[in-house]
Amino acid sequence: MKRALFVIDVQNDFCPGGALPVPEGDKVVPEINKLMPKFDFVLATRDWHPEKTAHFDKWPVHCVQGTKGAEFHPDLNTEKIDKIVSKGTGTQDDGYSGFDTKEINLVSFLRGKGIEEVYCTGLATEYCVKSTALDAAKNGFKTFVIKEAIRGIEVNPGDIEKAFKEMENAGIKIVSTYELNF
């Protein structure tokens, strides 16, 4: 059984000092770097917005294609990433889920690689992590979220806890790194 590690949106704009920072967003980087060698395949998603998009009606401008803010955090071990997919590339789409990429059919791509389990890490828990995990589960992958390797924004009190409940209700397992015995 092959396992994929999803590194979701660990980009400069989502880390402290960025345009839309997740509190302690940079703290996921060392955890993710430690996890990468344990997996058969590492896929990274990135917000890759055009300069003008309806998405910026809801959020501050962030992760604009080709900018420093859209780059991966400098400490992330990008050499271990097997595939990068961009999302939110259109003028109307939000691109919360990695499965929203227009570059490839991600389900078919993962199936072609023999991937059966998806382990989600990254930013932000209640948006892109949750959306990607829900889509992975909906598409038949056994799905996990690694709690030490994610951080949330918590726009409203309780948002992160609601996200965990929604994911668990969809059959997604929230796990700790010490539970990964492979």
C-alpha atoms as a PDB file:
ATOM      1  CA  MET A   1       0.000   0.000   0.000  1.00  0.00           C
ATOM      2  CA  LYS A   2       1.523   3.310  -1.083  1.00  0.00           C
ATOM      3  CA  ARG A   3       1.222   6.459   1.017  1.00  0.00           C
ATOM      4  CA  ALA A   4       1.409  10.076  -0.114  1.00  0.00           C
ATOM      5  CA  LEU A   5       2.313  13.011   2.087  1.00  0.00           C
ATOM      6  CA  PHE A   6       0.464  16.159   1.059  1.00  0.00           C
ATOM      7  CA  VAL A   7       2.281  19.376   1.941  1.00  0.00           C
ATOM      8  CA  ILE A   8      -0.484  21.952   1.652  1.00  0.00           C
ATOM      9  CA  ASP A   9       0.337  25.616   0.965  1.00  0.00           C
ATOM     10  CA  VAL A  10       3.463  26.020   3.096  1.00  0.00           C
ATOM     11  CA  GLN A  11       4.124  29.349   1.394  1.00  0.00           C
ATOM     12  CA  ASN A  12       5.679  32.587   2.592  1.00  0.00           C
ATOM     13  CA  ASP A  13       2.399  34.538   2.528  1.00  0.00           C
ATOM     14  CA  PHE A  14       0.834  32.036   4.958  1.00  0.00           C
ATOM     15  CA  CYS A  15       3.744  32.205   7.407  1.00  0.00           C
ATOM     16  CA  PRO A  16       4.548  34.951   9.943  1.00  0.00           C
ATOM     17  CA  GLY A  17       5.430  38.153   8.085  1.00  0.00           C
ATOM     18  CA  GLY A  18       3.366  37.158   5.041  1.00  0.00           C
ATOM     19  CA  ALA A  19       0.288  38.803   3.551  1.00  0.00           C
ATOM     20  CA  LEU A  20      -2.162  36.318   5.156  1.00  0.00           C
ATOM     21  CA  PRO A  21      -0.207  34.748   8.019  1.00  0.00           C
ATOM     22  CA  VAL A  22      -1.359  31.676   9.889  1.00  0.00           C
ATOM     23  CA  PRO A  23      -0.262  32.008  13.532  1.00  0.00           C
ATOM     24  CA  GLU A  24       2.865  29.878  13.947  1.00  0.00           C
ATOM     25  CA  GLY A  25       2.505  28.701  10.346  1.00  0.00           C
ATOM     26  CA  ASP A  26       6.267  28.335  10.073  1.00  0.00           C
ATOM     27  CA  LYS A  27       6.242  25.792  12.928  1.00  0.00           C
ATOM     28  CA  VAL A  28       4.938  23.103  10.555  1.00  0.00           C
ATOM     29  CA  VAL A  29       8.105  23.189   8.432  1.00  0.00           C
ATOM     30  CA  PRO A  30      10.437  21.136  10.696  1.00  0.00           C
ATOM     31  CA  GLU A  31       7.650  18.602  11.328  1.00  0.00           C
ATOM     32  CA  ILE A  32       6.974  18.204   7.607  1.00  0.00           C
ATOM     33  CA  ASN A  33      10.681  17.914   6.792  1.00  0.00           C
ATOM     34  CA  LYS A  34      10.970  15.045   9.326  1.00  0.00           C
ATOM     35  CA  LEU A  35       7.951  13.285   7.811  1.00  0.00           C
ATOM     36  CA  MET A  36       8.930  13.463   4.138  1.00  0.00           C
ATOM     37  CA  PRO A  37      11.382  10.514   4.075  1.00  0.00           C
ATOM     38  CA  LYS A  38       8.730   8.170   5.535  1.00  0.00           C
ATOM     39  CA  PHE A  39       6.461   8.452   2.476  1.00  0.00           C
ATOM     40  CA  ASP A  40       6.416   6.820  -0.951  1.00  0.00           C
ATOM     41  CA  PHE A  41       5.401  10.089  -2.594  1.00  0.00           C
ATOM     42  CA  VAL A  42       5.385  13.740  -1.535  1.00  0.00           C
ATOM     43  CA  LEU A  43       2.992  16.148  -3.219  1.00  0.00           C
ATOM     44  CA  ALA A  44       2.987  19.871  -2.480  1.00  0.00           C
ATOM     45  CA  THR A  45       0.095  22.180  -3.253  1.00  0.00           C
ATOM     46  CA  ARG A  46       0.388  25.905  -3.601  1.00  0.00           C
ATOM     47  CA  ASP A  47      -1.972  28.828  -3.940  1.00  0.00           C
ATOM     48  CA  TRP A  48      -1.013  30.393  -7.265  1.00  0.00           C
ATOM     49  CA  HIS A  49      -3.399  33.277  -7.786  1.00  0.00           C
ATOM     50  CA  PRO A  50      -3.467  35.718 -10.687  1.00  0.00           C
ATOM     51  CA  GLU A  51      -3.096  39.405  -9.789  1.00  0.00           C
ATOM     52  CA  LYS A  52      -6.835  39.952 -10.165  1.00  0.00           C
ATOM     53  CA  THR A  53      -9.247  37.318  -8.895  1.00  0.00           C
ATOM     54  CA  ALA A  54     -12.614  37.213  -7.154  1.00  0.00           C
ATOM     55  CA  HIS A  55     -10.810  35.330  -4.366  1.00  0.00           C
ATOM     56  CA  PHE A  56      -9.319  38.652  -3.231  1.00  0.00           C
ATOM     57  CA  ASP A  57     -12.836  39.976  -2.564  1.00  0.00           C
ATOM     58  CA  LYS A  58     -12.823  37.589   0.442  1.00  0.00           C
ATOM     59  CA  TRP A  59      -9.153  37.616   1.442  1.00  0.00           C
ATOM     60  CA  PRO A  60      -6.207  40.016   1.381  1.00  0.00           C
ATOM     61  CA  VAL A  61      -4.043  39.717  -1.739  1.00  0.00           C
ATOM     62  CA  HIS A  62      -1.738  36.715  -1.236  1.00  0.00           C
ATOM     63  CA  CYS A  63       0.267  34.089  -3.124  1.00  0.00           C
ATOM     64  CA  VAL A  64       0.219  35.932  -6.443  1.00  0.00           C
ATOM     65  CA  GLN A  65       1.880  33.879  -9.181  1.00  0.00           C
ATOM     66  CA  GLY A  66       5.621  34.451  -9.386  1.00  0.00           C
ATOM     67  CA  THR A  67       5.935  36.564  -6.217  1.00  0.00           C
ATOM     68  CA  LYS A  68       8.105  35.975  -3.157  1.00  0.00           C
ATOM     69  CA  GLY A  69       4.936  35.473  -1.099  1.00  0.00           C
ATOM     70  CA  ALA A  70       3.883  32.574  -3.325  1.00  0.00           C
ATOM     71  CA  GLU A  71       7.199  30.758  -2.867  1.00  0.00           C
ATOM     72  CA  PHE A  72       7.483  27.857  -0.467  1.00  0.00           C
ATOM     73  CA  HIS A  73       8.862  28.656   2.993  1.00  0.00           C
ATOM     74  CA  PRO A  74      12.666  28.818   2.599  1.00  0.00           C
ATOM     75  CA  ASP A  75      13.267  26.091   5.213  1.00  0.00           C
ATOM     76  CA  LEU A  76      10.917  23.580   3.565  1.00  0.00           C
ATOM     77  CA  ASN A  77      12.927  20.721   2.042  1.00  0.00           C
ATOM     78  CA  THR A  78      11.666  21.128  -1.518  1.00  0.00           C
ATOM     79  CA  GLU A  79      14.187  18.555  -2.804  1.00  0.00           C
ATOM     80  CA  LYS A  80      11.978  15.839  -1.280  1.00  0.00           C
ATOM     81  CA  ILE A  81       8.857  17.025  -3.153  1.00  0.00           C
ATOM     82  CA  ASP A  82       7.958  14.717  -6.044  1.00  0.00           C
ATOM     83  CA  LYS A  83       5.135  16.819  -7.545  1.00  0.00           C
ATOM     84  CA  ILE A  84       3.873  20.389  -7.130  1.00  0.00           C
ATOM     85  CA  VAL A  85       0.318  21.310  -8.095  1.00  0.00           C
ATOM     86  CA  SER A  86      -1.020  24.847  -8.280  1.00  0.00           C
ATOM     87  CA  LYS A  87      -4.561  25.828  -7.356  1.00  0.00           C
ATOM     88  CA  GLY A  88      -6.605  29.008  -7.346  1.00  0.00           C
ATOM     89  CA  THR A  89      -5.143  29.835 -10.751  1.00  0.00           C
ATOM     90  CA  GLY A  90      -8.322  31.228 -12.303  1.00  0.00           C
ATOM     91  CA  THR A  91     -10.032  34.561 -11.796  1.00  0.00           C
ATOM     92  CA  GLN A  92     -13.160  33.050 -10.239  1.00  0.00           C
ATOM     93  CA  ASP A  93     -11.990  29.979  -8.301  1.00  0.00           C
ATOM     94  CA  ASP A  94     -10.864  29.898  -4.693  1.00  0.00           C
ATOM     95  CA  GLY A  95      -8.785  26.761  -5.032  1.00  0.00           C
ATOM     96  CA  TYR A  96      -8.967  25.662  -1.405  1.00  0.00           C
ATOM     97  CA  SER A  97      -8.514  21.964  -2.208  1.00  0.00           C
ATOM     98  CA  GLY A  98      -5.437  20.493  -3.843  1.00  0.00           C
ATOM     99  CA  PHE A  99      -7.906  18.509  -5.944  1.00  0.00           C
ATOM    100  CA  ASP A 100      -9.056  21.840  -7.476  1.00  0.00           C
ATOM    101  CA  THR A 101      -5.881  22.004  -9.568  1.00  0.00           C
ATOM    102  CA  LYS A 102      -6.523  22.513 -13.277  1.00  0.00           C
ATOM    103  CA  GLU A 103      -3.062  21.166 -14.225  1.00  0.00           C
ATOM    104  CA  ILE A 104      -3.870  17.470 -13.890  1.00  0.00           C
ATOM    105  CA  ASN A 105      -6.639  15.157 -12.766  1.00  0.00           C
ATOM    106  CA  LEU A 106      -5.174  14.609  -9.309  1.00  0.00           C
ATOM    107  CA  VAL A 107      -7.305  11.537  -8.532  1.00  0.00           C
ATOM    108  CA  SER A 108      -6.167   9.748 -11.703  1.00  0.00           C
ATOM    109  CA  PHE A 109      -2.580  10.881 -11.154  1.00  0.00           C
ATOM    110  CA  LEU A 110      -2.474   9.473  -7.604  1.00  0.00           C
ATOM    111  CA  ARG A 111      -4.191   6.234  -8.645  1.00  0.00           C
ATOM    112  CA  GLY A 112      -1.612   5.890 -11.441  1.00  0.00           C
ATOM    113  CA  LYS A 113       1.113   6.101  -8.786  1.00  0.00           C
ATOM    114  CA  GLY A 114      -0.615   3.380  -6.729  1.00  0.00           C
ATOM    115  CA  ILE A 115      -1.392   5.773  -3.869  1.00  0.00           C
ATOM    116  CA  GLU A 116      -4.059   4.469  -1.484  1.00  0.00           C
ATOM    117  CA  GLU A 117      -3.447   6.614   1.604  1.00  0.00           C
ATOM    118  CA  VAL A 118      -3.121  10.395   1.829  1.00  0.00           C
ATOM    119  CA  TYR A 119      -1.612  12.147   4.860  1.00  0.00           C
ATOM    120  CA  CYS A 120      -2.308  15.893   4.984  1.00  0.00           C
ATOM    121  CA  THR A 121      -0.013  18.522   6.494  1.00  0.00           C
ATOM    122  CA  GLY A 122       0.299  22.276   6.054  1.00  0.00           C
ATOM    123  CA  LEU A 123      -1.775  25.441   6.155  1.00  0.00           C
ATOM    124  CA  ALA A 124      -4.465  26.382   7.077  1.00  0.00           C
ATOM    125  CA  THR A 125      -6.333  23.722   9.020  1.00  0.00           C
ATOM    126  CA  GLU A 126      -9.875  24.980   8.506  1.00  0.00           C
ATOM    127  CA  TYR A 127      -9.477  26.002   4.868  1.00  0.00           C
ATOM    128  CA  CYS A 128      -7.069  24.310   2.472  1.00  0.00           C
ATOM    129  CA  VAL A 129      -6.092  21.397   4.731  1.00  0.00           C
ATOM    130  CA  LYS A 130      -9.730  20.576   5.479  1.00  0.00           C
ATOM    131  CA  SER A 131     -10.860  20.978   1.853  1.00  0.00           C
ATOM    132  CA  THR A 132      -8.037  18.823   0.514  1.00  0.00           C
ATOM    133  CA  ALA A 133      -8.591  16.113   3.138  1.00  0.00           C
ATOM    134  CA  LEU A 134     -12.354  16.051   2.498  1.00  0.00           C
ATOM    135  CA  ASP A 135     -11.784  15.721  -1.256  1.00  0.00           C
ATOM    136  CA  ALA A 136      -9.216  12.959  -0.747  1.00  0.00           C
ATOM    137  CA  ALA A 137     -11.695  11.000   1.388  1.00  0.00           C
ATOM    138  CA  LYS A 138     -14.565  11.685  -1.012  1.00  0.00           C
ATOM    139  CA  ASN A 139     -12.440  10.256  -3.834  1.00  0.00           C
ATOM    140  CA  GLY A 140     -11.813   7.007  -1.970  1.00  0.00           C
ATOM    141  CA  PHE A 141      -8.389   7.570  -0.450  1.00  0.00           C
ATOM    142  CA  LYS A 142      -7.843   6.519   3.150  1.00  0.00           C
ATOM    143  CA  THR A 143      -7.164   9.978   4.577  1.00  0.00           C
ATOM    144  CA  PHE A 144      -5.274  11.225   7.605  1.00  0.00           C
ATOM    145  CA  VAL A 145      -4.400  14.665   8.982  1.00  0.00           C
ATOM    146  CA  ILE A 146      -1.213  14.916  11.044  1.00  0.00           C
ATOM    147  CA  LYS A 147      -1.977  17.348  13.859  1.00  0.00           C
ATOM    148  CA  GLU A 148       1.592  18.409  14.704  1.00  0.00           C
ATOM    149  CA  ALA A 149       2.152  19.374  11.062  1.00  0.00           C
ATOM    150  CA  ILE A 150      -0.835  21.707  10.575  1.00  0.00           C
ATOM    151  CA  ARG A 151      -1.858  25.132  11.848  1.00  0.00           C
ATOM    152  CA  GLY A 152      -5.073  27.088  11.526  1.00  0.00           C
ATOM    153  CA  ILE A 153      -6.146  30.709  11.331  1.00  0.00           C
ATOM    154  CA  GLU A 154      -9.103  30.564  13.754  1.00  0.00           C
ATOM    155  CA  VAL A 155     -10.887  33.568  12.188  1.00  0.00           C
ATOM    156  CA  ASN A 156     -13.795  32.817  14.531  1.00  0.00           C
ATOM    157  CA  PRO A 157     -13.378  31.063  17.889  1.00  0.00           C
ATOM    158  CA  GLY A 158     -13.948  27.337  17.457  1.00  0.00           C
ATOM    159  CA  ASP A 159     -13.239  27.231  13.686  1.00  0.00           C
ATOM    160  CA  ILE A 160     -10.374  24.757  14.049  1.00  0.00           C
ATOM    161  CA  GLU A 161     -12.362  22.449  16.325  1.00  0.00           C
ATOM    162  CA  LYS A 162     -15.296  22.560  13.861  1.00  0.00           C
ATOM    163  CA  ALA A 163     -12.904  21.649  11.044  1.00  0.00           C
ATOM    164  CA  PHE A 164     -11.602  18.643  13.007  1.00  0.00           C
ATOM    165  CA  LYS A 165     -15.174  17.469  13.678  1.00  0.00           C
ATOM    166  CA  GLU A 166     -16.167  17.859  10.023  1.00  0.00           C
ATOM    167  CA  MET A 167     -13.128  15.889   8.889  1.00  0.00           C
ATOM    168  CA  GLU A 168     -13.681  13.141  11.471  1.00  0.00           C
ATOM    169  CA  ASN A 169     -17.355  12.903  10.472  1.00  0.00           C
ATOM    170  CA  ALA A 170     -16.174  12.286   6.895  1.00  0.00           C
ATOM    171  CA  GLY A 171     -14.043   9.339   8.062  1.00  0.00           C
ATOM    172  CA  ILE A 172     -10.725  11.194   8.152  1.00  0.00           C
ATOM    173  CA  LYS A 173      -8.411  10.178  10.972  1.00  0.00           C
ATOM    174  CA  ILE A 174      -6.636  12.923  12.896  1.00  0.00           C
ATOM    175  CA  VAL A 175      -3.323  11.411  13.999  1.00  0.00           C
ATOM    176  CA  SER A 176      -0.151  12.358  15.857  1.00  0.00           C
ATOM    177  CA  THR A 177       3.292  11.795  14.412  1.00  0.00           C
ATOM    178  CA  TYR A 178       4.031   9.234  17.147  1.00  0.00           C
ATOM    179  CA  GLU A 179       1.119   7.109  15.833  1.00  0.00           C
ATOM    180  CA  LEU A 180       2.816   6.725  12.445  1.00  0.00           C
ATOM    181  CA  ASN A 181       4.649   3.445  12.743  1.00  0.00           C
ATOM    182  CA  PHE A 182       5.939   2.972   9.238  1.00  0.00           C
END
